[in-house]
Amino acid sequence: MRKRKIIPYDKENKIPVIKASICNGEQVAGFKDLKTGQFEEIMLIRNDKDRQEFVSKYGVNPSEIKKEY
């Protein structure tokens, strides 16, 4: 099994966020710029496996992920 390479993100200026739709429950993981509020969409979250992939791929602490609606 290969070790996955962690893709760094700007921890000083961006926070990990999962945007969830109130209407259909669709969830998208990405990073929100703290200065501009702009959301950078990274991947669709369909299940816990997708969420874990986002966490491990970007080296995100799961407790730091904010959820926005």
PDB file of N, CA and C in Angstrom:
ATOM      1  N   MET A   1       0.844  -1.179   0.000  1.00  0.00           N
ATOM      2  CA  MET A   1       0.000   0.000   0.000  1.00  0.00           C
ATOM      3  C   MET A   1       0.890   1.244   0.000  1.00  0.00           C
ATOM      4  N   ARG A   2       0.589   2.162  -0.907  1.00  0.00           N
ATOM      5  CA  ARG A   2       1.383   3.376  -1.014  1.00  0.00           C
ATOM      6  C   ARG A   2       0.943   4.397   0.011  1.00  0.00           C
ATOM      7  N   LYS A   3       1.920   5.158   0.483  1.00  0.00           N
ATOM      8  CA  LYS A   3       1.605   6.235   1.408  1.00  0.00           C
ATOM      9  C   LYS A   3       1.143   7.439   0.589  1.00  0.00           C
ATOM     10  N   ARG A   4       0.049   8.034   0.981  1.00  0.00           N
ATOM     11  CA  ARG A   4      -0.498   9.173   0.255  1.00  0.00           C
ATOM     12  C   ARG A   4       0.282  10.436   0.568  1.00  0.00           C
ATOM     13  N   LYS A   5       0.478  11.226  -0.451  1.00  0.00           N
ATOM     14  CA  LYS A   5       1.150  12.506  -0.279  1.00  0.00           C
ATOM     15  C   LYS A   5       0.105  13.531   0.167  1.00  0.00           C
ATOM     16  N   ILE A   6       0.430  14.265   1.232  1.00  0.00           N
ATOM     17  CA  ILE A   6      -0.476  15.292   1.731  1.00  0.00           C
ATOM     18  C   ILE A   6      -0.288  16.559   0.912  1.00  0.00           C
ATOM     19  N   ILE A   7      -1.384  17.087   0.406  1.00  0.00           N
ATOM     20  CA  ILE A   7      -1.357  18.325  -0.358  1.00  0.00           C
ATOM     21  C   ILE A   7      -1.565  19.475   0.624  1.00  0.00           C
ATOM     22  N   PRO A   8      -0.567  20.349   0.771  1.00  0.00           N
ATOM     23  CA  PRO A   8      -0.704  21.442   1.746  1.00  0.00           C
ATOM     24  C   PRO A   8      -1.701  22.508   1.288  1.00  0.00           C
ATOM     25  N   TYR A   9      -2.307  23.166   2.247  1.00  0.00           N
ATOM     26  CA  TYR A   9      -3.168  24.313   1.956  1.00  0.00           C
ATOM     27  C   TYR A   9      -2.728  25.454   2.861  1.00  0.00           C
ATOM     28  N   ASP A  10      -3.130  26.657   2.558  1.00  0.00           N
ATOM     29  CA  ASP A  10      -2.718  27.852   3.293  1.00  0.00           C
ATOM     30  C   ASP A  10      -3.471  27.925   4.624  1.00  0.00           C
ATOM     31  N   LYS A  11      -2.883  27.374   5.676  1.00  0.00           N
ATOM     32  CA  LYS A  11      -3.540  27.301   6.985  1.00  0.00           C
ATOM     33  C   LYS A  11      -3.649  28.668   7.651  1.00  0.00           C
ATOM     34  N   GLU A  12      -2.845  29.620   7.211  1.00  0.00           N
ATOM     35  CA  GLU A  12      -2.894  30.977   7.771  1.00  0.00           C
ATOM     36  C   GLU A  12      -4.130  31.735   7.284  1.00  0.00           C
ATOM     37  N   ASN A  13      -4.508  31.505   6.021  1.00  0.00           N
ATOM     38  CA  ASN A  13      -5.558  32.310   5.394  1.00  0.00           C
ATOM     39  C   ASN A  13      -6.809  31.538   4.998  1.00  0.00           C
ATOM     40  N   LYS A  14      -6.786  30.214   5.131  1.00  0.00           N
ATOM     41  CA  LYS A  14      -7.946  29.415   4.708  1.00  0.00           C
ATOM     42  C   LYS A  14      -8.324  28.416   5.788  1.00  0.00           C
ATOM     43  N   ILE A  15      -9.623  28.103   5.842  1.00  0.00           N
ATOM     44  CA  ILE A  15     -10.113  27.093   6.777  1.00  0.00           C
ATOM     45  C   ILE A  15     -10.871  26.019   5.992  1.00  0.00           C
ATOM     46  N   PRO A  16     -10.799  24.762   6.444  1.00  0.00           N
ATOM     47  CA  PRO A  16     -11.558  23.706   5.780  1.00  0.00           C
ATOM     48  C   PRO A  16     -13.047  23.841   6.109  1.00  0.00           C
ATOM     49  N   VAL A  17     -13.869  23.704   5.067  1.00  0.00           N
ATOM     50  CA  VAL A  17     -15.317  23.873   5.218  1.00  0.00           C
ATOM     51  C   VAL A  17     -16.040  22.801   4.403  1.00  0.00           C
ATOM     52  N   ILE A  18     -17.159  22.334   4.940  1.00  0.00           N
ATOM     53  CA  ILE A  18     -18.077  21.504   4.154  1.00  0.00           C
ATOM     54  C   ILE A  18     -19.352  22.308   3.983  1.00  0.00           C
ATOM     55  N   LYS A  19     -19.678  22.596   2.734  1.00  0.00           N
ATOM     56  CA  LYS A  19     -20.916  23.313   2.426  1.00  0.00           C
ATOM     57  C   LYS A  19     -21.995  22.275   2.164  1.00  0.00           C
ATOM     58  N   ALA A  20     -23.106  22.403   2.863  1.00  0.00           N
ATOM     59  CA  ALA A  20     -24.206  21.447   2.729  1.00  0.00           C
ATOM     60  C   ALA A  20     -25.462  22.181   2.257  1.00  0.00           C
ATOM     61  N   SER A  21     -26.147  21.583   1.305  1.00  0.00           N
ATOM     62  CA  SER A  21     -27.386  22.140   0.800  1.00  0.00           C
ATOM     63  C   SER A  21     -28.532  21.752   1.726  1.00  0.00           C
ATOM     64  N   ILE A  22     -29.341  22.720   2.090  1.00  0.00           N
ATOM     65  CA  ILE A  22     -30.511  22.436   2.926  1.00  0.00           C
ATOM     66  C   ILE A  22     -31.549  21.660   2.118  1.00  0.00           C
ATOM     67  N   CYS A  23     -31.657  21.964   0.832  1.00  0.00           N
ATOM     68  CA  CYS A  23     -32.682  21.359  -0.018  1.00  0.00           C
ATOM     69  C   CYS A  23     -32.466  19.871  -0.282  1.00  0.00           C
ATOM     70  N   ASN A  24     -31.271  19.529  -0.773  1.00  0.00           N
ATOM     71  CA  ASN A  24     -31.067  18.142  -1.192  1.00  0.00           C
ATOM     72  C   ASN A  24     -30.000  17.400  -0.387  1.00  0.00           C
ATOM     73  N   GLY A  25     -29.361  18.047   0.567  1.00  0.00           N
ATOM     74  CA  GLY A  25     -28.373  17.399   1.406  1.00  0.00           C
ATOM     75  C   GLY A  25     -27.011  17.210   0.766  1.00  0.00           C
ATOM     76  N   GLU A  26     -26.827  17.699  -0.465  1.00  0.00           N
ATOM     77  CA  GLU A  26     -25.532  17.572  -1.133  1.00  0.00           C
ATOM     78  C   GLU A  26     -24.457  18.314  -0.336  1.00  0.00           C
ATOM     79  N   GLN A  27     -23.285  17.686  -0.217  1.00  0.00           N
ATOM     80  CA  GLN A  27     -22.188  18.283   0.534  1.00  0.00           C
ATOM     81  C   GLN A  27     -20.944  18.395  -0.343  1.00  0.00           C
ATOM     82  N   VAL A  28     -20.260  19.536  -0.216  1.00  0.00           N
ATOM     83  CA  VAL A  28     -19.039  19.792  -0.968  1.00  0.00           C
ATOM     84  C   VAL A  28     -17.965  20.248   0.015  1.00  0.00           C
ATOM     85  N   ALA A  29     -16.788  19.627  -0.054  1.00  0.00           N
ATOM     86  CA  ALA A  29     -15.669  20.001   0.808  1.00  0.00           C
ATOM     87  C   ALA A  29     -14.758  20.961   0.058  1.00  0.00           C
ATOM     88  N   GLY A  30     -14.191  21.893   0.808  1.00  0.00           N
ATOM     89  CA  GLY A  30     -13.267  22.839   0.211  1.00  0.00           C
ATOM     90  C   GLY A  30     -12.655  23.730   1.270  1.00  0.00           C
ATOM     91  N   PHE A  31     -12.113  24.860   0.808  1.00  0.00           N
ATOM     92  CA  PHE A  31     -11.459  25.790   1.712  1.00  0.00           C
ATOM     93  C   PHE A  31     -12.033  27.186   1.522  1.00  0.00           C
ATOM     94  N   LYS A  32     -12.265  27.868   2.645  1.00  0.00           N
ATOM     95  CA  LYS A  32     -12.816  29.218   2.632  1.00  0.00           C
ATOM     96  C   LYS A  32     -11.716  30.206   3.000  1.00  0.00           C
ATOM     97  N   ASP A  33     -11.557  31.236   2.174  1.00  0.00           N
ATOM     98  CA  ASP A  33     -10.573  32.278   2.428  1.00  0.00           C
ATOM     99  C   ASP A  33     -11.085  33.161   3.557  1.00  0.00           C
ATOM    100  N   LEU A  34     -10.274  33.332   4.592  1.00  0.00           N
ATOM    101  CA  LEU A  34     -10.696  34.108   5.766  1.00  0.00           C
ATOM    102  C   LEU A  34     -10.829  35.595   5.464  1.00  0.00           C
ATOM    103  N   LYS A  35     -10.081  36.098   4.488  1.00  0.00           N
ATOM    104  CA  LYS A  35     -10.118  37.530   4.166  1.00  0.00           C
ATOM    105  C   LYS A  35     -11.276  37.878   3.236  1.00  0.00           C
ATOM    106  N   THR A  36     -11.457  37.084   2.187  1.00  0.00           N
ATOM    107  CA  THR A  36     -12.470  37.410   1.178  1.00  0.00           C
ATOM    108  C   THR A  36     -13.783  36.657   1.377  1.00  0.00           C
ATOM    109  N   GLY A  37     -13.734  35.538   2.114  1.00  0.00           N
ATOM    110  CA  GLY A  37     -14.928  34.714   2.289  1.00  0.00           C
ATOM    111  C   GLY A  37     -15.203  33.816   1.093  1.00  0.00           C
ATOM    112  N   GLN A  38     -14.322  33.853   0.092  1.00  0.00           N
ATOM    113  CA  GLN A  38     -14.507  33.049  -1.117  1.00  0.00           C
ATOM    114  C   GLN A  38     -14.274  31.574  -0.810  1.00  0.00           C
ATOM    115  N   PHE A  39     -15.149  30.719  -1.335  1.00  0.00           N
ATOM    116  CA  PHE A  39     -15.073  29.282  -1.117  1.00  0.00           C
ATOM    117  C   PHE A  39     -14.454  28.613  -2.328  1.00  0.00           C
ATOM    118  N   GLU A  40     -13.414  27.797  -2.091  1.00  0.00           N
ATOM    119  CA  GLU A  40     -12.766  27.028  -3.150  1.00  0.00           C
ATOM    120  C   GLU A  40     -13.239  25.588  -3.038  1.00  0.00           C
ATOM    121  N   GLU A  41     -14.045  25.156  -3.994  1.00  0.00           N
ATOM    122  CA  GLU A  41     -14.607  23.808  -3.989  1.00  0.00           C
ATOM    123  C   GLU A  41     -13.534  22.796  -4.367  1.00  0.00           C
ATOM    124  N   ILE A  42     -13.410  21.734  -3.569  1.00  0.00           N
ATOM    125  CA  ILE A  42     -12.402  20.706  -3.814  1.00  0.00           C
ATOM    126  C   ILE A  42     -13.024  19.392  -4.275  1.00  0.00           C
ATOM    127  N   MET A  43     -14.000  18.897  -3.519  1.00  0.00           N
ATOM    128  CA  MET A  43     -14.588  17.611  -3.889  1.00  0.00           C
ATOM    129  C   MET A  43     -15.983  17.420  -3.301  1.00  0.00           C
ATOM    130  N   LEU A  44     -16.765  16.590  -3.969  1.00  0.00           N
ATOM    131  CA  LEU A  44     -18.103  16.225  -3.526  1.00  0.00           C
ATOM    132  C   LEU A  44     -17.983  15.185  -2.414  1.00  0.00           C
ATOM    133  N   ILE A  45     -18.756  15.354  -1.356  1.00  0.00           N
ATOM    134  CA  ILE A  45     -18.764  14.411  -0.232  1.00  0.00           C
ATOM    135  C   ILE A  45     -20.078  13.630  -0.291  1.00  0.00           C
ATOM    136  N   ARG A  46     -19.980  12.348  -0.655  1.00  0.00           N
ATOM    137  CA  ARG A  46     -21.169  11.502  -0.756  1.00  0.00           C
ATOM    138  C   ARG A  46     -21.342  10.608   0.456  1.00  0.00           C
ATOM    139  N   ASN A  47     -20.210  10.327   1.153  1.00  0.00           N
ATOM    140  CA  ASN A  47     -20.266   9.410   2.296  1.00  0.00           C
ATOM    141  C   ASN A  47     -19.048   9.644   3.198  1.00  0.00           C
ATOM    142  N   ASP A  48     -18.933   8.847   4.254  1.00  0.00           N
ATOM    143  CA  ASP A  48     -17.826   8.997   5.201  1.00  0.00           C
ATOM    144  C   ASP A  48     -16.474   8.715   4.558  1.00  0.00           C
ATOM    145  N   LYS A  49     -16.458   7.830   3.573  1.00  0.00           N
ATOM    146  CA  LYS A  49     -15.204   7.511   2.875  1.00  0.00           C
ATOM    147  C   LYS A  49     -14.671   8.747   2.148  1.00  0.00           C
ATOM    148  N   ASP A  50     -15.563   9.494   1.483  1.00  0.00           N
ATOM    149  CA  ASP A  50     -15.162  10.725   0.793  1.00  0.00           C
ATOM    150  C   ASP A  50     -14.652  11.759   1.787  1.00  0.00           C
ATOM    151  N   ARG A  51     -15.325  11.879   2.909  1.00  0.00           N
ATOM    152  CA  ARG A  51     -14.895  12.836   3.941  1.00  0.00           C
ATOM    153  C   ARG A  51     -13.508  12.461   4.465  1.00  0.00           C
ATOM    154  N   GLN A  52     -13.277  11.164   4.710  1.00  0.00           N
ATOM    155  CA  GLN A  52     -11.978  10.703   5.192  1.00  0.00           C
ATOM    156  C   GLN A  52     -10.896  10.944   4.145  1.00  0.00           C
ATOM    157  N   GLU A  53     -11.229  10.791   2.881  1.00  0.00           N
ATOM    158  CA  GLU A  53     -10.273  11.057   1.798  1.00  0.00           C
ATOM    159  C   GLU A  53      -9.855  12.532   1.808  1.00  0.00           C
ATOM    160  N   PHE A  54     -10.821  13.427   1.986  1.00  0.00           N
ATOM    161  CA  PHE A  54     -10.526  14.865   2.063  1.00  0.00           C
ATOM    162  C   PHE A  54      -9.595  15.156   3.241  1.00  0.00           C
ATOM    163  N   VAL A  55      -9.900  14.568   4.401  1.00  0.00           N
ATOM    164  CA  VAL A  55      -9.110  14.778   5.615  1.00  0.00           C
ATOM    165  C   VAL A  55      -7.673  14.294   5.414  1.00  0.00           C
ATOM    166  N   SER A  56      -7.510  13.095   4.876  1.00  0.00           N
ATOM    167  CA  SER A  56      -6.167  12.532   4.729  1.00  0.00           C
ATOM    168  C   SER A  56      -5.392  13.176   3.581  1.00  0.00           C
ATOM    169  N   LYS A  57      -6.072  13.529   2.505  1.00  0.00           N
ATOM    170  CA  LYS A  57      -5.402  14.116   1.338  1.00  0.00           C
ATOM    171  C   LYS A  57      -4.815  15.496   1.637  1.00  0.00           C
ATOM    172  N   TYR A  58      -5.510  16.277   2.475  1.00  0.00           N
ATOM    173  CA  TYR A  58      -5.068  17.643   2.754  1.00  0.00           C
ATOM    174  C   TYR A  58      -4.517  17.822   4.168  1.00  0.00           C
ATOM    175  N   GLY A  59      -4.441  16.747   4.942  1.00  0.00           N
ATOM    176  CA  GLY A  59      -3.884  16.833   6.285  1.00  0.00           C
ATOM    177  C   GLY A  59      -4.721  17.699   7.215  1.00  0.00           C
ATOM    178  N   VAL A  60      -6.033  17.621   7.061  1.00  0.00           N
ATOM    179  CA  VAL A  60      -6.969  18.429   7.849  1.00  0.00           C
ATOM    180  C   VAL A  60      -7.337  17.689   9.127  1.00  0.00           C
ATOM    181  N   ASN A  61      -7.400  18.418  10.234  1.00  0.00           N
ATOM    182  CA  ASN A  61      -7.885  17.856  11.489  1.00  0.00           C
ATOM    183  C   ASN A  61      -9.422  17.830  11.390  1.00  0.00           C
ATOM    184  N   PRO A  62     -10.061  16.664  11.497  1.00  0.00           N
ATOM    185  CA  PRO A  62     -11.517  16.577  11.343  1.00  0.00           C
ATOM    186  C   PRO A  62     -12.299  17.511  12.265  1.00  0.00           C
ATOM    187  N   SER A  63     -11.769  17.807  13.443  1.00  0.00           N
ATOM    188  CA  SER A  63     -12.482  18.694  14.371  1.00  0.00           C
ATOM    189  C   SER A  63     -12.429  20.156  13.931  1.00  0.00           C
ATOM    190  N   GLU A  64     -11.545  20.491  12.993  1.00  0.00           N
ATOM    191  CA  GLU A  64     -11.420  21.866  12.501  1.00  0.00           C
ATOM    192  C   GLU A  64     -12.362  22.179  11.347  1.00  0.00           C
ATOM    193  N   ILE A  65     -12.993  21.155  10.785  1.00  0.00           N
ATOM    194  CA  ILE A  65     -13.861  21.380   9.627  1.00  0.00           C
ATOM    195  C   ILE A  65     -15.156  22.038  10.054  1.00  0.00           C
ATOM    196  N   LYS A  66     -15.438  23.188   9.472  1.00  0.00           N
ATOM    197  CA  LYS A  66     -16.683  23.911   9.734  1.00  0.00           C
ATOM    198  C   LYS A  66     -17.726  23.421   8.735  1.00  0.00           C
ATOM    199  N   LYS A  67     -18.980  23.469   9.148  1.00  0.00           N
ATOM    200  CA  LYS A  67     -20.075  23.096   8.254  1.00  0.00           C
ATOM    201  C   LYS A  67     -20.941  24.332   8.036  1.00  0.00           C
ATOM    202  N   GLU A  68     -21.190  24.646   6.767  1.00  0.00           N
ATOM    203  CA  GLU A  68     -22.011  25.800   6.424  1.00  0.00           C
ATOM    204  C   GLU A  68     -23.192  25.339   5.577  1.00  0.00           C
ATOM    205  N   TYR A  69     -24.315  26.042   5.737  1.00  0.00           N
ATOM    206  CA  TYR A  69     -25.523  25.715   4.971  1.00  0.00           C
ATOM    207  C   TYR A  69     -25.865  26.848   4.043  1.00  0.00           C
TER     208      TYR A  69
END
